Amino acid sequence: MSPLKKLLVTIALTAMWSPSFLFIKLAVEELPPFTIVASRVTLGALGFIGVLLFLRRTLPTSGKFWVHSSIMALFSSVLPFVLFCYAEQSIDSALAGILNGSSPMFTALLAQAFVTTDRMSVKKAFGIVFSLFGLIFLFAPNLMNGVSGNALGMMAATTAAFCYATSHVYAKLFIAGQKPFIAPAAQLIISALLLVPVALYYDAPWTLPAPSMYAIGGVLGMAVFGTFIAFILYYYLLEHCGPTAISMIACFFPAGAMLLGFVFLGERMTVSDLAASGLILLGLMIVNDVIRIPFLARDEEATRTA
């Protein structure tokens, strides 16, 4: 895959995941976290089951495949989805977005230790720093005015970011190479099997008041855009990118959400917002080789041959 195509798919995935924090905020106003996440992964799983039936494709039967898929489900779906829903009960979605932006740093450290083809280099460090500065710059007004949250909520969001980092590295090591739609289908089926009983036991959703269309829309948005379509794009990228490059998407989530709000909702966007988004995009382009800075490229080549 060419660097430009890789960047375009990355931006498409960002567009699918960017509204997730807004969708979560809509849903948690009326529904408990386990019910939200169980609904999200179940609807996503049903979508992939439908695709597999249409393609007449069956899931592998080997125990090794299902063990790897279970670990992937735990770190990519179950834990982070629940943790972010819990976190946004007590922290702002803006703060959740900032904390989620720590995922590339965690991923780079894990990849350095476990993925021989994704070692840290000056180029990647530059890209991560550019994007993180852009993320902080984007939220500077919120930070100066103060964002609400408590220690447990922030800890939950940071732990979720670390789970995502773990899943990126684990997927590259043990999940990549499957036929299309197989890996996300298995991951979401396992996630649903784990979460539906928990939601039924703890939330007793049949006793809850009927949710509004806003809450239902939040769950459907997460299921369709943030899960089904996003997982198709994510697993496609996984075959062509290192985990650090994929994790950089987390920095662009808030900028993507801001741009979507500007285009579709007529929300205000300032020059500083555009500048911050440009910094984040520059970081993504550096890490994904769309922009090649000579001395950074030489360092990358030295790292590969070391």
Protein backbone atom coordinates (compact mmCIF):
# COMPACT_ATOMS: atom_id res chain seq x y z
CA MET A 1 0.00 0.00 0.00
CA SER A 2 1.38 3.41 -0.95
CA PRO A 3 1.93 5.97 1.83
CA LEU A 4 -0.81 8.22 0.40
CA LYS A 5 -3.38 5.40 0.26
CA LYS A 6 -2.40 4.41 3.79
CA LEU A 7 -3.01 7.98 4.93
CA LEU A 8 -6.41 8.13 3.20
CA VAL A 9 -7.54 4.88 4.82
CA THR A 10 -6.26 6.21 8.15
CA ILE A 11 -8.32 9.38 7.73
CA ALA A 12 -11.37 7.30 6.81
CA LEU A 13 -10.91 5.23 9.97
CA THR A 14 -10.52 8.44 11.97
CA ALA A 15 -13.82 9.68 10.54
CA MET A 16 -15.51 6.49 11.78
CA TRP A 17 -13.98 6.58 15.27
CA SER A 18 -13.95 10.34 15.85
CA PRO A 19 -17.64 10.68 16.84
CA SER A 20 -17.35 7.83 19.37
CA PHE A 21 -16.87 10.06 22.42
CA LEU A 22 -19.93 12.09 21.43
CA PHE A 23 -21.97 8.91 20.88
CA ILE A 24 -20.84 7.61 24.28
CA LYS A 25 -21.83 10.88 25.94
CA LEU A 26 -25.31 10.66 24.39
CA ALA A 27 -25.77 7.08 25.53
CA VAL A 28 -24.40 7.26 29.10
CA GLU A 29 -26.90 9.96 30.00
CA GLU A 30 -29.60 7.28 30.03
CA LEU A 31 -28.02 3.83 29.81
CA PRO A 32 -25.47 2.05 32.07
CA PRO A 33 -22.02 1.23 30.61
CA PHE A 34 -22.38 -2.55 30.37
CA THR A 35 -25.67 -2.26 28.48
CA ILE A 36 -24.19 0.27 26.06
CA VAL A 37 -21.09 -1.78 25.30
CA ALA A 38 -22.95 -5.10 25.12
CA SER A 39 -25.38 -3.57 22.62
CA ARG A 40 -22.54 -2.07 20.61
CA VAL A 41 -20.51 -5.26 20.22
CA THR A 42 -23.58 -7.45 19.69
CA LEU A 43 -24.84 -5.29 16.84
CA GLY A 44 -21.33 -5.22 15.38
CA ALA A 45 -21.03 -9.00 15.67
CA LEU A 46 -24.39 -9.50 13.95
CA GLY A 47 -23.20 -7.29 11.10
CA PHE A 48 -20.07 -9.38 10.56
CA ILE A 49 -21.98 -12.66 10.89
CA GLY A 50 -24.26 -11.41 8.12
CA VAL A 51 -21.23 -10.62 5.94
CA LEU A 52 -19.69 -14.06 6.53
CA LEU A 53 -22.98 -15.79 5.71
CA PHE A 54 -23.29 -13.73 2.52
CA LEU A 55 -19.72 -14.66 1.51
CA ARG A 56 -20.22 -18.28 2.64
CA ARG A 57 -17.10 -17.98 4.74
CA THR A 58 -16.67 -19.93 7.99
CA LEU A 59 -14.67 -19.10 11.10
CA PRO A 60 -11.58 -21.20 11.93
CA THR A 61 -12.04 -24.01 14.44
CA SER A 62 -8.52 -24.15 15.89
CA GLY A 63 -8.18 -23.48 19.60
CA LYS A 64 -5.14 -21.26 18.97
CA PHE A 65 -7.18 -18.92 16.79
CA TRP A 66 -9.90 -18.55 19.42
CA VAL A 67 -7.40 -17.99 22.24
CA HIS A 68 -5.75 -15.16 20.28
CA SER A 69 -9.16 -13.76 19.32
CA SER A 70 -10.28 -13.84 22.96
CA ILE A 71 -7.22 -11.92 24.13
CA MET A 72 -7.72 -9.42 21.30
CA ALA A 73 -11.39 -9.03 22.24
CA LEU A 74 -10.48 -8.35 25.85
CA PHE A 75 -7.96 -5.60 25.10
CA SER A 76 -9.53 -4.08 21.97
CA SER A 77 -13.25 -4.21 22.77
CA VAL A 78 -14.32 -5.35 26.21
CA LEU A 79 -12.02 -3.45 28.57
CA PRO A 80 -11.56 -0.13 26.68
CA PHE A 81 -15.23 0.16 25.66
CA VAL A 82 -16.40 -0.37 29.24
CA LEU A 83 -13.67 1.82 30.73
CA PHE A 84 -14.43 4.77 28.47
CA CYS A 85 -18.16 4.50 29.17
CA TYR A 86 -17.37 4.44 32.90
CA ALA A 87 -14.91 7.34 32.55
CA GLU A 88 -17.38 9.58 30.72
CA GLN A 89 -19.81 9.31 33.59
CA SER A 90 -17.43 11.55 35.55
CA ILE A 91 -15.11 13.28 33.06
CA ASP A 92 -15.72 15.46 30.01
CA SER A 93 -15.54 13.92 26.56
CA ALA A 94 -12.76 16.44 25.81
CA LEU A 95 -10.65 15.11 28.67
CA ALA A 96 -11.39 11.55 27.56
CA GLY A 97 -10.10 12.48 24.11
CA ILE A 98 -6.89 13.93 25.53
CA LEU A 99 -6.22 10.85 27.66
CA ASN A 100 -6.97 8.58 24.71
CA GLY A 101 -4.24 10.47 22.88
CA SER A 102 -1.67 8.81 25.15
CA SER A 103 -2.20 5.55 23.25
CA PRO A 104 0.57 6.22 20.66
CA MET A 105 3.16 6.64 23.41
CA PHE A 106 2.14 3.36 25.07
CA THR A 107 2.09 1.64 21.67
CA ALA A 108 5.55 2.90 20.71
CA LEU A 109 7.01 1.57 23.97
CA LEU A 110 5.33 -1.83 23.58
CA ALA A 111 6.29 -2.07 19.91
CA GLN A 112 9.88 -1.26 20.79
CA ALA A 113 9.92 -4.26 23.10
CA PHE A 114 7.94 -6.80 21.06
CA VAL A 115 7.70 -5.87 17.35
CA THR A 116 11.02 -6.06 15.51
CA THR A 117 9.63 -4.30 12.42
CA ASP A 118 8.31 -1.32 14.39
CA ARG A 119 11.26 -0.04 16.40
CA MET A 120 11.32 3.51 17.70
CA SER A 121 13.20 5.99 15.54
CA VAL A 122 13.73 9.73 15.44
CA LYS A 123 11.12 9.92 12.66
CA LYS A 124 8.44 8.21 14.73
CA ALA A 125 9.35 10.21 17.81
CA PHE A 126 8.99 13.45 15.79
CA GLY A 127 5.63 12.35 14.45
CA ILE A 128 4.29 11.41 17.87
CA VAL A 129 5.51 14.67 19.43
CA PHE A 130 3.96 16.78 16.64
CA SER A 131 0.60 15.06 17.07
CA LEU A 132 0.65 15.27 20.86
CA PHE A 133 1.47 18.99 20.73
CA GLY A 134 -1.36 19.44 18.28
CA LEU A 135 -3.72 17.53 20.57
CA ILE A 136 -2.81 19.71 23.57
CA PHE A 137 -3.05 22.86 21.43
CA LEU A 138 -6.49 21.78 20.21
CA PHE A 139 -7.76 21.46 23.77
CA ALA A 140 -5.89 24.47 25.18
CA PRO A 141 -9.06 26.58 25.60
CA ASN A 142 -10.76 23.73 27.47
CA LEU A 143 -7.71 23.21 29.64
CA MET A 144 -7.47 26.91 30.53
CA ASN A 145 -11.16 27.06 31.40
CA GLY A 146 -10.91 23.80 33.31
CA VAL A 147 -12.35 20.38 32.43
CA SER A 148 -14.38 18.36 34.85
CA GLY A 149 -13.40 14.90 36.00
CA ASN A 150 -12.22 12.86 38.91
CA ALA A 151 -9.21 10.63 39.53
CA LEU A 152 -11.05 7.34 38.93
CA GLY A 153 -12.50 8.58 35.66
CA MET A 154 -9.11 9.76 34.42
CA MET A 155 -7.49 6.51 35.53
CA ALA A 156 -10.15 4.52 33.67
CA ALA A 157 -9.60 6.50 30.45
CA THR A 158 -5.80 6.14 30.69
CA THR A 159 -6.12 2.40 31.31
CA ALA A 160 -8.39 2.15 28.27
CA ALA A 161 -5.72 3.91 26.17
CA PHE A 162 -3.14 1.38 27.39
CA CYS A 163 -5.52 -1.46 26.47
CA TYR A 164 -5.79 -0.08 22.96
CA ALA A 165 -2.00 0.10 22.73
CA THR A 166 -1.72 -3.51 23.86
CA SER A 167 -4.31 -4.59 21.29
CA HIS A 168 -2.46 -2.86 18.41
CA VAL A 169 0.75 -4.71 19.21
CA TYR A 170 -0.98 -8.03 19.92
CA ALA A 171 -2.97 -7.81 16.67
CA LYS A 172 0.19 -7.26 14.64
CA LEU A 173 1.90 -10.22 16.29
CA PHE A 174 -0.91 -12.79 16.40
CA ILE A 175 -4.01 -11.65 14.48
CA ALA A 176 -2.75 -10.22 11.18
CA GLY A 177 -2.91 -12.47 8.12
CA GLN A 178 -6.50 -13.72 8.43
CA LYS A 179 -8.95 -13.62 5.54
CA PRO A 180 -11.03 -10.42 5.42
CA PHE A 181 -13.81 -10.15 8.03
CA ILE A 182 -12.70 -13.26 9.95
CA ALA A 183 -10.72 -11.53 12.73
CA PRO A 184 -13.23 -8.74 13.51
CA ALA A 185 -16.13 -11.21 13.44
CA ALA A 186 -14.42 -13.51 15.96
CA GLN A 187 -13.39 -10.59 18.16
CA LEU A 188 -16.89 -9.14 18.35
CA ILE A 189 -18.60 -12.51 18.82
CA ILE A 190 -16.37 -13.21 21.82
CA SER A 191 -16.92 -9.66 23.11
CA ALA A 192 -20.69 -10.14 22.91
CA LEU A 193 -20.52 -13.52 24.65
CA LEU A 194 -18.53 -11.94 27.48
CA LEU A 195 -20.52 -8.74 27.87
CA VAL A 196 -24.16 -9.68 27.29
CA PRO A 197 -24.38 -11.91 30.43
CA VAL A 198 -22.63 -9.22 32.48
CA ALA A 199 -25.06 -6.55 31.25
CA LEU A 200 -28.05 -8.77 31.95
CA TYR A 201 -26.83 -9.56 35.46
CA TYR A 202 -25.64 -6.13 36.61
CA ASP A 203 -27.86 -3.74 34.64
CA ALA A 204 -31.10 -5.74 34.29
CA PRO A 205 -31.85 -3.66 31.17
CA TRP A 206 -35.49 -4.78 31.05
CA THR A 207 -36.09 -2.76 34.22
CA LEU A 208 -34.64 0.48 32.81
CA PRO A 209 -36.82 3.31 31.49
CA ALA A 210 -37.22 3.33 27.71
CA PRO A 211 -34.26 5.24 26.27
CA SER A 212 -34.76 8.33 24.12
CA MET A 213 -33.90 8.49 20.44
CA TYR A 214 -30.71 10.35 21.40
CA ALA A 215 -29.48 7.41 23.50
CA ILE A 216 -30.54 4.87 20.87
CA GLY A 217 -28.82 6.96 18.21
CA GLY A 218 -25.65 7.04 20.30
CA VAL A 219 -25.59 3.23 20.57
CA LEU A 220 -26.38 2.75 16.86
CA GLY A 221 -23.71 5.29 15.91
CA MET A 222 -21.10 3.40 17.93
CA ALA A 223 -22.23 0.06 16.48
CA VAL A 224 -22.37 1.05 12.82
CA PHE A 225 -19.61 3.66 12.45
CA GLY A 226 -17.36 3.08 15.46
CA THR A 227 -17.48 -0.72 15.34
CA PHE A 228 -18.64 -2.37 12.10
CA ILE A 229 -17.18 0.01 9.49
CA ALA A 230 -14.25 1.00 11.70
CA PHE A 231 -13.19 -2.61 12.28
CA ILE A 232 -13.22 -3.31 8.54
CA LEU A 233 -10.85 -0.38 7.99
CA TYR A 234 -8.75 -1.17 11.07
CA TYR A 235 -8.04 -4.77 10.08
CA TYR A 236 -7.29 -3.66 6.52
CA LEU A 237 -4.71 -1.19 7.84
CA LEU A 238 -3.30 -3.82 10.18
CA GLU A 239 -2.03 -5.79 7.18
CA HIS A 240 -0.06 -2.79 5.90
CA CYS A 241 0.97 -0.70 8.93
CA GLY A 242 2.92 -1.10 12.13
CA PRO A 243 1.08 -0.75 15.44
CA THR A 244 2.62 2.66 16.17
CA ALA A 245 1.30 4.12 12.91
CA ILE A 246 -2.19 2.74 13.58
CA SER A 247 -2.21 4.07 17.14
CA MET A 248 -1.55 7.61 15.87
CA ILE A 249 -5.21 7.73 14.87
CA ALA A 250 -6.06 8.29 18.54
CA CYS A 251 -4.44 11.75 18.38
CA PHE A 252 -6.59 12.72 15.42
CA PHE A 253 -9.92 11.62 16.97
CA PRO A 254 -10.73 15.00 18.56
CA ALA A 255 -9.70 16.94 15.45
CA GLY A 256 -11.80 14.60 13.31
CA ALA A 257 -14.79 15.10 15.59
CA MET A 258 -14.32 18.88 15.39
CA LEU A 259 -14.16 18.82 11.58
CA LEU A 260 -17.26 16.60 11.38
CA GLY A 261 -19.11 19.02 13.65
CA PHE A 262 -18.07 21.94 11.44
CA VAL A 263 -19.15 20.22 8.19
CA PHE A 264 -22.39 18.58 9.31
CA LEU A 265 -23.55 20.56 12.35
CA GLY A 266 -22.35 24.06 11.50
CA GLU A 267 -20.23 24.25 14.65
CA ARG A 268 -17.62 26.99 15.04
CA MET A 269 -14.01 26.28 14.05
CA THR A 270 -11.21 28.74 14.79
CA VAL A 271 -7.84 29.37 13.19
CA SER A 272 -6.15 27.83 16.24
CA ASP A 273 -8.31 24.69 15.77
CA LEU A 274 -7.13 24.42 12.18
CA ALA A 275 -3.49 24.95 13.22
CA ALA A 276 -3.78 22.24 15.89
CA SER A 277 -5.40 19.85 13.42
CA GLY A 278 -2.59 20.61 10.98
CA LEU A 279 0.03 19.67 13.59
CA ILE A 280 -1.75 16.39 14.32
CA LEU A 281 -2.05 15.62 10.61
CA LEU A 282 1.63 16.47 10.10
CA GLY A 283 2.54 13.94 12.79
CA LEU A 284 0.40 11.28 11.09
CA MET A 285 2.00 12.02 7.73
CA ILE A 286 5.54 11.80 9.14
CA VAL A 287 4.92 8.46 10.85
CA ASN A 288 3.20 7.05 7.73
CA ASP A 289 5.97 8.21 5.33
CA VAL A 290 3.71 10.57 3.35
CA ILE A 291 6.21 13.33 4.21
CA ARG A 292 9.85 12.33 4.20
CA ILE A 293 12.27 14.65 5.98
CA PRO A 294 15.81 13.79 4.78
CA PHE A 295 17.61 13.48 8.12
CA LEU A 296 14.65 11.59 9.62
CA ALA A 297 14.59 9.23 6.65
CA ARG A 298 18.30 8.50 7.11
CA ASP A 299 17.69 7.69 10.77
CA GLU A 300 14.82 5.37 9.83
CA GLU A 301 17.02 3.49 7.36
CA ALA A 302 19.75 3.16 10.00
CA THR A 303 17.22 1.78 12.47
CA ARG A 304 16.00 -0.84 9.99
CA THR A 305 19.50 -2.08 9.19
CA ALA A 306 20.70 -2.09 12.81
